[in-house]
Amino acid sequence: MKQKPIRCPYCGSTAILKDASYVYGSKSKGGKVYVCSRYPECNSYVGVHPGTNIAKGTLADKQLRFKRIQAHQTFDQIWKNHILSKSDAYRWIADKFCLTAKEAHIGEFDLYMCEQLISESMKILRNNHIPLRAAG
């Protein structure tokens, strides 16, 4: 089954699969990325799962990439501090926000959902007396 073309949510252009060095240059750790065909004018891209051509989420601009990193830094403390297992933590996201398991991934989130996840994750961390670390 052929993969449907990935479209940039910002400009509508088609995304192209490139070596990660196309975006990260010498700082690249290998791998691939889907990049808006208008990159760098349209600064939208997303990483690819290692060894596949499967995107880790939706294309994101600089602001959304930064917010997703912040969301991960906060949320990941839930399972890294053993409040929930990693799989249970992702199940909690799905239940909390009425999402399917496929939708319950930060790489699929927009700015609003990232903010909501950060807020709800911080509540869990506070309730479990986990010191909050500055995100980003």
Protein backbone atom coordinates (compact mmCIF):
# COMPACT_ATOMS: atom_id res chain seq x y z
CA MET A 1 0.00 0.00 0.00
CA LYS A 2 1.47 3.33 -1.08
CA GLN A 3 1.70 6.07 1.55
CA LYS A 4 -0.47 9.11 1.02
CA PRO A 5 1.58 12.28 0.41
CA ILE A 6 2.24 14.30 3.56
CA ARG A 7 1.12 17.92 3.27
CA CYS A 8 2.52 20.86 5.19
CA PRO A 9 -0.19 22.22 7.51
CA TYR A 10 1.28 25.73 7.20
CA CYS A 11 1.61 26.27 3.45
CA GLY A 12 -0.02 23.20 1.86
CA SER A 13 3.13 22.07 0.04
CA THR A 14 4.11 18.42 -0.14
CA ALA A 15 6.65 17.14 2.39
CA ILE A 16 9.70 15.30 1.11
CA LEU A 17 11.75 12.62 2.85
CA LYS A 18 15.34 13.76 3.43
CA ASP A 19 18.37 12.69 5.41
CA ALA A 20 18.28 14.42 8.82
CA SER A 21 21.51 16.25 7.96
CA TYR A 22 19.43 18.33 5.51
CA VAL A 23 17.90 20.08 8.56
CA TYR A 24 20.43 19.50 11.34
CA GLY A 25 23.66 19.71 9.31
CA SER A 26 26.73 18.46 11.17
CA LYS A 27 24.66 18.14 14.39
CA SER A 28 22.61 15.36 12.78
CA LYS A 29 22.56 12.04 14.60
CA GLY A 30 21.48 10.24 11.43
CA GLY A 31 18.00 9.20 10.47
CA LYS A 32 15.47 10.88 8.24
CA VAL A 33 12.97 13.72 8.37
CA TYR A 34 9.96 14.79 6.38
CA VAL A 35 10.54 18.40 5.38
CA CYS A 36 8.21 20.87 3.73
CA SER A 37 9.30 21.18 0.09
CA ARG A 38 9.47 24.94 0.70
CA TYR A 39 12.06 24.51 3.50
CA PRO A 40 13.77 26.67 4.75
CA GLU A 41 11.27 29.41 3.79
CA CYS A 42 8.62 27.26 5.46
CA ASN A 43 10.45 25.90 8.51
CA SER A 44 8.26 22.84 8.94
CA TYR A 45 9.50 19.29 9.46
CA VAL A 46 9.11 16.13 11.55
CA GLY A 47 11.40 13.23 12.40
CA VAL A 48 10.96 9.68 11.17
CA HIS A 49 10.94 6.49 13.25
CA PRO A 50 14.35 4.80 12.89
CA GLY A 51 14.56 2.25 10.08
CA THR A 52 11.21 3.28 8.57
CA ASN A 53 9.63 6.02 6.47
CA ILE A 54 6.94 6.58 9.14
CA ALA A 55 6.71 10.14 10.49
CA LYS A 56 6.83 10.54 14.29
CA GLY A 57 3.88 12.93 14.07
CA THR A 58 2.76 15.87 11.99
CA LEU A 59 4.98 18.52 10.46
CA ALA A 60 5.68 21.32 12.92
CA ASP A 61 7.13 24.80 12.76
CA LYS A 62 9.72 26.07 15.25
CA GLN A 63 7.13 27.21 17.82
CA LEU A 64 5.26 23.90 17.80
CA ARG A 65 8.47 21.83 17.89
CA PHE A 66 9.58 23.77 20.99
CA LYS A 67 6.18 23.29 22.67
CA ARG A 68 6.22 19.55 21.93
CA ILE A 69 9.67 19.32 23.55
CA GLN A 70 8.33 21.12 26.63
CA ALA A 71 5.31 18.81 26.73
CA HIS A 72 7.55 15.74 26.57
CA GLN A 73 9.88 17.08 29.26
CA THR A 74 6.97 17.56 31.65
CA PHE A 75 4.92 14.47 30.74
CA ASP A 76 7.91 12.08 30.69
CA GLN A 77 8.55 12.85 34.37
CA ILE A 78 5.34 10.95 35.17
CA TRP A 79 6.74 7.63 33.98
CA LYS A 80 10.41 8.39 34.69
CA ASN A 81 9.47 8.97 38.34
CA HIS A 82 7.46 5.71 38.34
CA ILE A 83 4.10 7.36 39.02
CA LEU A 84 2.75 5.33 36.09
CA SER A 85 4.43 2.92 33.70
CA LYS A 86 5.20 4.43 30.29
CA SER A 87 2.33 2.53 28.64
CA ASP A 88 -0.09 3.50 31.44
CA ALA A 89 1.02 7.14 31.14
CA TYR A 90 0.14 7.15 27.45
CA ARG A 91 -3.17 5.43 28.25
CA TRP A 92 -3.78 8.26 30.77
CA ILE A 93 -3.28 10.82 27.96
CA ALA A 94 -5.82 9.00 25.81
CA ASP A 95 -8.36 8.78 28.65
CA LYS A 96 -7.79 12.33 29.92
CA PHE A 97 -8.28 13.95 26.53
CA CYS A 98 -10.75 11.42 25.00
CA LEU A 99 -8.28 10.32 22.33
CA THR A 100 -7.63 7.03 20.63
CA ALA A 101 -4.32 5.31 21.35
CA LYS A 102 -3.06 6.50 17.93
CA GLU A 103 -3.98 10.12 18.70
CA ALA A 104 -2.40 10.07 22.16
CA HIS A 105 1.09 11.01 20.98
CA ILE A 106 2.69 14.38 21.52
CA GLY A 107 3.94 14.35 17.92
CA GLU A 108 0.30 14.64 16.85
CA PHE A 109 -0.51 17.54 19.20
CA ASP A 110 -1.01 21.18 18.30
CA LEU A 111 -0.02 24.10 20.57
CA TYR A 112 -3.26 23.99 22.54
CA MET A 113 -3.03 20.26 23.27
CA CYS A 114 0.62 20.60 24.30
CA GLU A 115 -0.36 23.34 26.78
CA GLN A 116 -3.17 21.17 28.14
CA LEU A 117 -0.85 18.18 28.55
CA ILE A 118 1.77 20.31 30.34
CA SER A 119 -0.88 21.65 32.72
CA GLU A 120 -2.39 18.23 33.50
CA SER A 121 1.02 16.58 33.84
CA MET A 122 2.11 19.25 36.30
CA LYS A 123 -0.95 18.52 38.44
CA ILE A 124 0.01 14.86 38.64
CA LEU A 125 3.61 15.72 39.48
CA ARG A 126 2.53 18.15 42.21
CA ASN A 127 0.06 15.63 43.65
CA ASN A 128 2.89 13.09 43.85
CA HIS A 129 5.31 15.58 45.41
CA ILE A 130 7.68 15.45 42.45
CA PRO A 131 9.74 18.64 42.21
CA LEU A 132 8.92 20.38 38.94
CA ARG A 133 11.86 20.83 36.62
CA ALA A 134 11.91 23.82 34.33
CA ALA A 135 10.82 22.78 30.85
CA GLY A 136 12.81 24.02 27.88
